Each structure stands twice: as structure tokens, then as C-alpha cells.
C-alpha atoms as a PDB file:
ATOM      1  CA  UNK A   1      41.252  97.363 114.864  1.00  0.00           C
ATOM      2  CA  UNK A   2      40.948  99.594 111.730  1.00  0.00           C
ATOM      3  CA  UNK A   3      44.265 101.088 110.522  1.00  0.00           C
ATOM      4  CA  UNK A   4      42.768 104.595 110.706  1.00  0.00           C
ATOM      5  CA  UNK A   5      42.322 104.004 114.572  1.00  0.00           C
ATOM      6  CA  UNK A   6      45.961 102.854 115.326  1.00  0.00           C
ATOM      7  CA  UNK A   7      47.927 104.333 118.096  1.00  0.00           C
ATOM      8  CA  UNK A   8      49.550 107.512 117.227  1.00  0.00           C
ATOM      9  CA  UNK A   9      47.054 108.603 114.452  1.00  0.00           C
ATOM     10  CA  UNK A  10      44.699 111.263 114.753  1.00  0.00           C
ATOM     11  CA  UNK A  11      41.159 110.256 115.226  1.00  0.00           C
ATOM     12  CA  UNK A  12      38.570 112.799 113.847  1.00  0.00           C
ATOM     13  CA  UNK A  13      35.159 113.185 112.527  1.00  0.00           C
ATOM     14  CA  UNK A  14      32.836 110.144 112.026  1.00  0.00           C
ATOM     15  CA  UNK A  15      35.655 107.813 112.983  1.00  0.00           C
ATOM     16  CA  UNK A  16      35.942 109.458 116.237  1.00  0.00           C
ATOM     17  CA  UNK A  17      32.353 109.529 116.894  1.00  0.00           C
ATOM     18  CA  UNK A  18      32.064 105.832 116.015  1.00  0.00           C
ATOM     19  CA  UNK A  19      34.906 104.817 118.301  1.00  0.00           C
ATOM     20  CA  UNK A  20      33.359 107.056 121.078  1.00  0.00           C
ATOM     21  CA  UNK A  21      30.077 105.249 120.671  1.00  0.00           C
ATOM     22  CA  UNK A  22      31.787 101.779 120.626  1.00  0.00           C
ATOM     23  CA  UNK A  23      33.839 102.590 123.792  1.00  0.00           C
ATOM     24  CA  UNK A  24      30.712 103.823 125.581  1.00  0.00           C
ATOM     25  CA  UNK A  25      28.705 100.711 124.957  1.00  0.00           C
ATOM     26  CA  UNK A  26      31.612  98.557 126.112  1.00  0.00           C
ATOM     27  CA  UNK A  27      32.311 100.892 129.099  1.00  0.00           C
ATOM     28  CA  UNK A  28      28.460 100.727 130.033  1.00  0.00           C
ATOM     29  CA  UNK A  29      28.562  97.127 129.881  1.00  0.00           C
ATOM     30  CA  UNK A  30      31.302  96.925 132.651  1.00  0.00           C
ATOM     31  CA  UNK A  31      34.699  97.237 131.057  1.00  0.00           C
ATOM     32  CA  UNK A  32      37.050  99.653 132.795  1.00  0.00           C
ATOM     33  CA  UNK A  33      38.669 102.545 131.118  1.00  0.00           C
ATOM     34  CA  UNK A  34      42.202 100.740 131.600  1.00  0.00           C
ATOM     35  CA  UNK A  35      40.718  97.539 129.823  1.00  0.00           C
ATOM     36  CA  UNK A  36      39.420  99.751 127.004  1.00  0.00           C
ATOM     37  CA  UNK A  37      42.908 101.697 126.771  1.00  0.00           C
ATOM     38  CA  UNK A  38      44.744  98.371 126.565  1.00  0.00           C
ATOM     39  CA  UNK A  39      42.441  96.900 124.052  1.00  0.00           C
ATOM     40  CA  UNK A  40      42.533  99.677 121.599  1.00  0.00           C
ATOM     41  CA  UNK A  41      46.175 100.674 122.137  1.00  0.00           C
ATOM     42  CA  UNK A  42      45.290 104.057 123.255  1.00  0.00           C
ATOM     43  CA  UNK A  43      46.178 105.894 126.338  1.00  0.00           C
ATOM     44  CA  UNK A  44      43.808 106.075 129.455  1.00  0.00           C
ATOM     45  CA  UNK A  45      43.452 109.806 128.956  1.00  0.00           C
ATOM     46  CA  UNK A  46      42.337 109.381 125.364  1.00  0.00           C
ATOM     47  CA  UNK A  47      39.593 106.901 126.225  1.00  0.00           C
ATOM     48  CA  UNK A  48      38.677 108.763 129.317  1.00  0.00           C
ATOM     49  CA  UNK A  49      38.281 111.918 127.078  1.00  0.00           C
ATOM     50  CA  UNK A  50      36.272 109.933 124.485  1.00  0.00           C
ATOM     51  CA  UNK A  51      33.819 108.609 126.901  1.00  0.00           C
ATOM     52  CA  UNK A  52      33.190 112.153 128.318  1.00  0.00           C
ATOM     53  CA  UNK A  53      32.617 113.397 124.707  1.00  0.00           C
ATOM     54  CA  UNK A  54      30.187 110.479 124.278  1.00  0.00           C
ATOM     55  CA  UNK A  55      28.369 111.599 127.411  1.00  0.00           C
ATOM     56  CA  UNK A  56      29.220 108.571 129.530  1.00  0.00           C
ATOM     57  CA  UNK A  57      28.563 108.522 133.268  1.00  0.00           C
ATOM     58  CA  UNK A  58      31.966 107.652 134.562  1.00  0.00           C
ATOM     59  CA  UNK A  59      32.189 105.409 137.566  1.00  0.00           C
ATOM     60  CA  UNK A  60      34.160 106.358 140.583  1.00  0.00           C
ATOM     61  CA  UNK A  61      37.254 104.284 141.517  1.00  0.00           C
ATOM     62  CA  UNK A  62      36.981 100.886 142.860  1.00  0.00           C
ATOM     63  CA  UNK A  63      38.561  99.088 145.688  1.00  0.00           C
ATOM     64  CA  UNK A  64      38.325  99.257 149.387  1.00  0.00           C
ATOM     65  CA  UNK A  65      37.637 102.454 151.152  1.00  0.00           C
ATOM     66  CA  UNK A  66      39.403 103.424 154.338  1.00  0.00           C
ATOM     67  CA  UNK A  67      37.271 104.340 157.442  1.00  0.00           C
ATOM     68  CA  UNK A  68      39.091 106.609 159.978  1.00  0.00           C
END
């Protein structure tokens, strides 16, 4: 990962747009937000926000559903 995108640094401008596009491609191909957060060293909330900014259609939570 680029030094400009390390955890704790502010990501703005073209770097932010490029990171958002990259994360969206990976998310659209099936990776989870938690997987992307771990891979980039960023928080779940940061990745979620970038995906939203990039216009990604966020998936619902997985797992079994309970029937009453």
C-alpha cells in the first residue's frame, strides 16, 4: 500500500477517489467490508464510507436468519 494511504493519514483528493474506486471493484467482486478494512489497515467505518461515496450498492448482512 502507498505511504500516502497508511492508517492514520488523511486521504483526500485524487488519492481518495482512486482508493474508493479500487475498494469498490474489490467489494463488487465479492470481498467483504471487513476483509477490505483488514487488507488496507483502515477501519470498517472508513471503508464503508468510501464505498458509499463511490456509489457501491452495499450488501445486507450475511448469516442465518431466524424464523419465529
